N, C-alpha and C. Protein backbone atom coordinates (compact mmCIF):
# COMPACT_ATOMS: atom_id res chain seq x y z
N MET A 1 95.84 115.63 92.00
CA MET A 1 96.24 115.81 90.58
C MET A 1 97.16 116.80 89.90
N ALA A 2 97.23 117.98 90.69
CA ALA A 2 98.18 119.03 90.30
C ALA A 2 99.41 118.68 90.31
N ASP A 3 100.11 117.74 91.56
CA ASP A 3 101.38 117.49 91.74
C ASP A 3 101.60 116.39 90.45
N LEU A 4 100.72 115.55 90.04
CA LEU A 4 101.33 114.81 89.05
C LEU A 4 101.29 115.41 87.91
N VAL A 5 100.45 116.17 87.43
CA VAL A 5 100.43 117.16 85.98
C VAL A 5 101.84 117.99 86.29
N ALA A 6 101.78 118.54 87.26
CA ALA A 6 103.23 119.41 87.19
C ALA A 6 104.61 118.74 87.24
N GLY A 7 104.60 117.58 88.12
CA GLY A 7 105.77 116.80 87.84
C GLY A 7 105.87 116.32 86.58
N THR A 8 105.15 115.83 85.81
CA THR A 8 105.17 115.50 84.61
C THR A 8 105.94 116.74 83.56
N GLY A 9 105.26 117.68 83.96
CA GLY A 9 105.88 118.90 83.06
C GLY A 9 107.23 119.20 83.52
N GLU A 10 107.40 119.04 84.58
CA GLU A 10 108.94 119.47 85.26
C GLU A 10 109.90 118.62 84.31
N LEU A 11 109.37 117.52 83.53
CA LEU A 11 110.46 116.58 83.13
C LEU A 11 110.97 116.89 81.76
N TYR A 12 110.05 118.12 80.95
CA TYR A 12 110.29 118.60 79.68
C TYR A 12 111.63 119.62 79.92
N GLY A 13 111.99 119.97 80.87
CA GLY A 13 113.09 120.80 81.14
C GLY A 13 114.36 120.19 81.38
N GLN A 14 115.20 120.78 82.31
CA GLN A 14 116.61 120.50 82.66
C GLN A 14 116.23 119.21 84.01
N GLN A 15 115.27 119.55 84.73
CA GLN A 15 114.96 118.47 85.65
C GLN A 15 114.95 117.01 85.15
N ARG A 16 115.44 116.04 85.98
CA ARG A 16 115.72 114.68 85.48
C ARG A 16 114.75 113.86 86.66
N SER A 17 114.34 114.45 87.82
CA SER A 17 113.30 113.75 88.29
C SER A 17 112.39 114.89 89.07
N ALA A 18 111.23 114.19 89.54
CA ALA A 18 110.13 114.59 90.26
C ALA A 18 109.73 114.00 91.31
N ARG A 19 109.41 114.55 92.54
CA ARG A 19 108.56 113.68 93.50
C ARG A 19 107.65 114.42 94.05
N PHE A 20 106.56 113.82 94.64
CA PHE A 20 105.35 114.09 95.18
C PHE A 20 104.59 113.07 95.70
N PHE A 21 103.73 113.47 96.60
CA PHE A 21 103.08 112.11 97.51
C PHE A 21 101.40 112.57 97.29
N PHE A 22 101.06 111.42 97.75
CA PHE A 22 99.40 111.12 98.25
C PHE A 22 99.30 110.80 99.41
N GLY A 23 98.56 111.68 100.31
CA GLY A 23 98.59 111.02 101.68
C GLY A 23 97.19 110.05 101.61
N ALA A 24 97.69 108.79 102.15
CA ALA A 24 96.57 108.07 102.23
C ALA A 24 96.47 107.55 103.84
N GLU A 25 96.18 108.59 104.57
CA GLU A 25 96.29 108.34 106.19
C GLU A 25 96.08 107.09 106.61
N PRO A 26 97.02 106.80 107.28
CA PRO A 26 98.05 107.16 107.74
C PRO A 26 99.42 106.87 107.05
N GLN A 27 99.08 106.35 105.86
CA GLN A 27 100.15 106.28 104.94
C GLN A 27 100.42 107.19 103.92
N GLU A 28 101.84 107.37 103.63
CA GLU A 28 102.20 108.18 102.41
C GLU A 28 102.32 107.23 101.11
N LEU A 29 102.00 107.70 100.01
CA LEU A 29 102.20 106.83 98.70
C LEU A 29 102.93 108.13 97.87
N ARG A 30 104.37 107.91 97.77
CA ARG A 30 105.36 108.64 97.31
C ARG A 30 105.53 108.51 95.87
N TRP A 31 105.51 109.17 94.96
CA TRP A 31 105.47 109.12 93.55
C TRP A 31 107.06 109.53 93.20
N VAL A 32 107.71 108.77 92.32
CA VAL A 32 109.15 109.39 91.71
C VAL A 32 108.97 109.19 90.46
N LEU A 33 109.36 110.26 89.52
CA LEU A 33 109.21 110.03 88.12
C LEU A 33 110.67 110.36 87.74
N ARG A 34 111.35 109.79 87.24
CA ARG A 34 112.65 109.89 86.34
C ARG A 34 112.67 109.89 85.02
N THR A 35 113.37 110.80 84.48
CA THR A 35 113.51 110.71 83.05
C THR A 35 114.90 110.46 82.51
N THR A 36 114.95 109.55 81.55
CA THR A 36 116.20 108.98 80.84
C THR A 36 115.81 109.41 79.29
N ASP A 37 116.50 109.95 78.71
CA ASP A 37 116.51 110.15 77.34
C ASP A 37 114.88 110.51 77.08
N ASP A 38 114.04 109.95 76.73
CA ASP A 38 112.53 110.29 76.14
C ASP A 38 111.80 109.20 76.94
N ALA A 39 112.16 108.60 77.86
CA ALA A 39 111.44 107.80 78.65
C ALA A 39 111.07 108.19 80.22
N ILE A 40 110.00 107.82 80.70
CA ILE A 40 109.81 108.15 82.27
C ILE A 40 109.81 107.03 83.00
N ASN A 41 110.36 106.81 84.28
CA ASN A 41 110.30 105.64 84.88
C ASN A 41 109.83 106.13 86.05
N VAL A 42 108.64 105.53 86.45
CA VAL A 42 107.48 105.69 87.57
C VAL A 42 107.86 104.78 88.50
N THR A 43 108.20 105.11 90.07
CA THR A 43 108.33 104.35 91.01
C THR A 43 107.25 104.94 91.95
N ILE A 44 106.44 103.99 92.50
CA ILE A 44 105.30 104.43 93.94
C ILE A 44 105.95 103.73 94.89
N TYR A 45 106.19 104.27 95.98
CA TYR A 45 106.67 103.84 97.31
C TYR A 45 105.60 104.04 98.09
N LYS A 46 105.42 103.12 99.17
CA LYS A 46 104.33 103.14 100.23
C LYS A 46 105.16 103.20 101.43
N PHE A 47 104.76 104.10 102.35
CA PHE A 47 105.40 104.47 103.77
C PHE A 47 104.32 104.42 104.70
N PRO A 48 104.61 103.69 105.94
CA PRO A 48 103.37 103.22 106.75
C PRO A 48 102.80 104.38 107.68
N ASP A 49 103.90 105.48 107.67
CA ASP A 49 103.45 106.62 108.69
C ASP A 49 103.78 107.93 107.96
N LEU A 50 102.85 108.65 107.32
CA LEU A 50 103.00 110.20 106.90
C LEU A 50 103.36 110.88 107.91
N ALA A 51 103.41 110.89 109.17
CA ALA A 51 103.89 111.54 110.20
C ALA A 51 105.49 111.82 109.89
N VAL A 52 106.04 110.72 109.75
CA VAL A 52 107.45 110.71 109.57
C VAL A 52 108.06 110.37 108.26
N SER A 53 107.33 109.94 107.43
CA SER A 53 107.78 109.47 106.21
C SER A 53 108.26 110.58 105.23
N PRO A 54 107.94 112.03 105.31
CA PRO A 54 108.53 112.98 104.63
C PRO A 54 110.28 113.05 104.53
N ASP A 55 110.48 112.81 105.96
CA ASP A 55 112.19 112.96 106.15
C ASP A 55 113.06 111.72 105.71
N LEU A 56 112.25 110.53 105.19
CA LEU A 56 112.84 109.18 105.00
C LEU A 56 113.16 109.29 103.39
N PRO A 57 114.35 108.60 103.02
CA PRO A 57 114.79 108.46 101.60
C PRO A 57 113.64 107.48 101.21
N ASP A 58 113.94 107.56 99.83
CA ASP A 58 113.03 106.70 98.90
C ASP A 58 113.25 105.27 99.33
N SER A 59 114.27 104.70 99.75
CA SER A 59 114.63 103.50 99.94
C SER A 59 114.22 102.97 101.38
N GLY A 60 113.59 103.97 102.26
CA GLY A 60 112.76 103.66 103.45
C GLY A 60 111.36 103.22 103.23
N GLY A 61 110.94 103.16 101.80
CA GLY A 61 109.46 102.72 101.64
C GLY A 61 109.38 101.49 100.60
N THR A 62 108.43 100.94 100.49
CA THR A 62 108.40 99.63 99.92
C THR A 62 107.78 99.91 98.62
N VAL A 63 108.34 99.46 97.67
CA VAL A 63 108.03 99.63 96.25
C VAL A 63 106.56 98.94 95.78
N MET A 64 105.80 99.86 95.34
CA MET A 64 104.40 99.23 95.09
C MET A 64 103.94 99.16 93.82
N TRP A 65 104.94 100.22 92.92
CA TRP A 65 104.81 100.03 91.42
C TRP A 65 105.90 100.61 90.88
N GLN A 66 106.49 100.05 89.67
CA GLN A 66 107.48 100.53 88.95
C GLN A 66 107.29 100.13 87.61
N SER A 67 107.43 101.16 86.71
CA SER A 67 107.20 100.85 85.48
C SER A 67 108.02 101.97 84.44
N THR A 68 108.35 101.62 83.36
CA THR A 68 108.99 102.61 82.70
C THR A 68 108.05 102.95 81.00
N HIS A 69 107.70 104.06 80.76
CA HIS A 69 106.96 104.38 79.47
C HIS A 69 107.59 105.43 78.70
N PRO A 70 107.44 105.36 77.56
CA PRO A 70 108.00 106.69 76.60
C PRO A 70 107.03 108.02 77.09
N ARG A 71 108.03 109.13 77.17
CA ARG A 71 107.47 110.17 77.46
C ARG A 71 106.18 110.88 77.01
N PRO A 72 106.07 110.67 75.53
CA PRO A 72 104.82 111.08 74.99
C PRO A 72 103.66 110.11 75.27
N THR A 73 103.94 108.71 75.66
CA THR A 73 102.75 108.16 75.76
C THR A 73 102.18 108.40 77.46
N PHE A 74 103.21 108.66 78.31
CA PHE A 74 102.91 108.90 79.55
C PHE A 74 102.05 110.48 79.89
N ALA A 75 102.90 111.40 79.25
CA ALA A 75 102.27 112.79 79.40
C ALA A 75 100.68 112.50 78.68
N HIS A 76 100.71 111.99 77.67
CA HIS A 76 99.46 112.01 77.16
C HIS A 76 98.39 111.28 77.78
N ALA A 77 98.92 110.15 78.72
CA ALA A 77 97.92 109.61 79.95
C ALA A 77 97.59 110.28 80.81
N VAL A 78 98.63 111.30 81.33
CA VAL A 78 98.24 112.20 82.19
C VAL A 78 97.32 113.12 81.79
N LEU A 79 97.59 113.85 80.63
CA LEU A 79 96.52 114.79 79.95
C LEU A 79 95.15 114.02 79.94
N ALA A 80 94.93 113.16 79.33
CA ALA A 80 93.85 112.36 79.26
C ALA A 80 93.20 112.21 80.49
N ALA A 81 93.80 111.83 81.58
CA ALA A 81 93.38 111.70 82.66
C ALA A 81 92.60 112.84 83.63
N ALA A 82 93.35 113.79 83.42
CA ALA A 82 92.95 115.24 83.67
C ALA A 82 91.59 115.63 83.02
N HIS A 83 91.72 115.45 81.72
CA HIS A 83 90.76 115.77 80.88
C HIS A 83 89.41 114.90 81.25
N THR A 84 89.38 113.50 81.64
CA THR A 84 88.30 112.90 82.01
C THR A 84 87.98 113.44 83.54
N VAL A 85 88.93 113.78 84.33
CA VAL A 85 88.31 114.30 85.44
C VAL A 85 87.64 115.53 85.75
N LEU A 86 88.02 116.51 84.54
CA LEU A 86 87.29 117.43 84.38
C LEU A 86 85.87 117.59 83.58
N LYS A 87 85.84 116.51 82.60
CA LYS A 87 84.50 116.19 82.14
C LYS A 87 83.58 115.64 83.01
N GLU A 88 83.97 114.78 83.80
CA GLU A 88 83.04 114.31 85.24
C GLU A 88 82.71 115.20 86.31
N HIS A 89 83.49 116.20 86.31
CA HIS A 89 83.31 116.87 87.81
C HIS A 89 83.09 118.36 87.12
N ASP A 90 83.50 119.01 86.29
CA ASP A 90 83.86 120.44 86.03
C ASP A 90 84.63 121.18 86.95
N GLU A 91 85.04 122.25 86.76
CA GLU A 91 85.87 123.06 87.75
C GLU A 91 85.09 123.18 89.25
N ALA A 92 83.94 123.36 89.04
CA ALA A 92 83.22 123.81 90.28
C ALA A 92 83.00 122.51 90.94
N GLY A 93 82.62 121.59 90.41
CA GLY A 93 82.52 120.11 91.16
C GLY A 93 83.88 119.50 91.81
N TYR A 94 84.85 120.03 90.87
CA TYR A 94 86.28 119.43 91.66
C TYR A 94 86.72 120.32 92.68
N LEU A 95 86.45 121.31 92.71
CA LEU A 95 86.87 122.16 93.95
C LEU A 95 85.95 121.76 94.97
N ALA A 96 84.44 121.56 94.75
CA ALA A 96 83.87 120.82 95.88
C ALA A 96 84.05 119.58 96.47
N LYS A 97 84.71 118.69 95.56
CA LYS A 97 85.05 117.58 95.93
C LYS A 97 86.54 117.51 96.70
N TRP A 98 87.40 118.21 96.05
CA TRP A 98 88.54 118.29 96.62
C TRP A 98 88.77 119.72 97.23
N ALA A 99 88.23 120.25 98.13
CA ALA A 99 87.93 121.52 98.65
C ALA A 99 89.40 122.48 98.48
N MET A 100 90.25 121.96 99.40
CA MET A 100 91.50 122.77 99.21
C MET A 100 92.27 122.80 97.99
N HIS A 101 91.73 122.06 97.08
CA HIS A 101 92.30 122.14 95.50
C HIS A 101 91.76 122.36 94.50
N PRO A 102 91.90 123.72 93.47
CA PRO A 102 90.93 123.82 92.55
C PRO A 102 91.80 123.06 91.51
N TYR A 103 90.70 122.79 90.50
CA TYR A 103 91.31 122.21 89.21
C TYR A 103 92.23 122.93 88.58
N PRO A 104 93.59 122.02 88.41
CA PRO A 104 95.06 122.80 87.98
C PRO A 104 94.92 123.27 86.64
N VAL A 105 93.94 124.21 86.02
CA VAL A 105 93.88 124.54 84.55
C VAL A 105 95.33 125.01 83.93
N ALA A 106 95.99 125.84 84.56
CA ALA A 106 97.23 126.36 84.06
C ALA A 106 98.14 125.35 84.03
N LEU A 107 98.21 124.49 85.09
CA LEU A 107 99.16 123.47 84.83
C LEU A 107 99.03 122.27 83.70
N VAL A 108 97.51 122.01 83.66
CA VAL A 108 97.14 121.15 82.50
C VAL A 108 97.63 121.88 81.05
N GLN A 109 97.27 123.01 80.95
CA GLN A 109 97.72 123.99 79.75
C GLN A 109 99.23 123.66 79.49
N ASP A 110 99.95 123.89 80.60
CA ASP A 110 101.60 124.05 80.32
C ASP A 110 101.70 122.69 79.94
N LEU A 111 101.27 121.56 80.69
CA LEU A 111 101.66 120.27 79.99
C LEU A 111 101.36 120.01 78.79
N ARG A 112 100.15 120.29 78.30
CA ARG A 112 99.64 120.17 76.92
C ARG A 112 100.53 120.88 75.96
N ARG A 113 100.75 122.10 76.24
CA ARG A 113 101.73 122.97 75.24
C ARG A 113 103.05 122.25 75.15
N LEU A 114 103.64 121.68 76.42
CA LEU A 114 105.18 120.99 76.41
C LEU A 114 104.80 119.48 75.49
N HIS A 115 103.78 119.07 75.65
CA HIS A 115 103.57 117.84 74.99
C HIS A 115 103.60 118.03 73.51
N MET A 116 102.52 118.94 73.11
CA MET A 116 102.26 119.22 71.64
C MET A 116 103.54 119.43 70.98
N ARG A 117 104.26 120.68 71.89
CA ARG A 117 105.53 120.99 71.30
C ARG A 117 106.79 120.23 71.12
N ASP A 118 106.89 119.30 71.96
CA ASP A 118 108.21 118.45 71.82
C ASP A 118 107.99 117.06 71.65
N ASP A 119 106.78 116.58 71.83
CA ASP A 119 106.69 114.92 71.52
C ASP A 119 106.00 114.81 70.11
N VAL A 120 106.14 113.60 69.79
CA VAL A 120 105.64 113.03 68.58
C VAL A 120 104.26 112.06 69.00
N CYS A 121 103.42 112.65 69.10
CA CYS A 121 102.42 111.83 69.66
C CYS A 121 101.07 111.42 68.49
N ASP A 122 101.01 110.25 68.18
CA ASP A 122 100.34 109.92 67.25
C ASP A 122 98.80 109.69 67.91
N LEU A 123 98.40 109.64 69.15
CA LEU A 123 97.18 109.59 69.62
C LEU A 123 96.65 110.85 69.52
N PRO A 124 95.22 110.73 69.59
CA PRO A 124 94.18 111.78 69.44
C PRO A 124 94.46 112.70 70.76
N ASN A 125 94.60 114.07 70.52
CA ASN A 125 94.74 115.09 71.69
C ASN A 125 93.68 115.91 71.53
N ASP A 126 92.75 115.99 72.75
CA ASP A 126 91.51 116.69 72.87
C ASP A 126 91.85 117.89 73.30
N LEU A 127 91.71 119.12 72.56
CA LEU A 127 92.32 120.33 72.78
C LEU A 127 91.04 121.34 73.11
N SER A 128 90.02 120.54 73.51
CA SER A 128 88.60 121.12 73.99
C SER A 128 88.79 121.30 75.30
N CYS A 129 89.64 120.63 76.40
CA CYS A 129 90.02 121.08 77.75
C CYS A 129 90.93 121.94 77.84
N PRO A 130 90.30 122.76 78.78
CA PRO A 130 91.29 124.26 79.26
C PRO A 130 92.66 123.95 79.46
């Protein structure tokens, strides 16, 4: 989840794209976020073998999902999902479930700050989440 939150936050600066993957052993699910103006294009690629796929270009994978969303809507959805996960598991429970990865409090706070500062978002923003 940290990579999704961080990747979304990176698109508020000069960076025009962010890539990260989820290991679905033996497969790789590579997410590519690209920003154009105030929209984020999401493409998820599936690669059959995580052992070799990190060196392959995106075109070497199969597109599983592709969609485009206004940046405020996408960022809000990422923040809402992060908040839901925290409410369900709390920080200790998150760490117990994903032992190598603590809940990304600072990344969520950074994304929330950027979203509140730069986006016009008419959706309710729950600020009680760290």
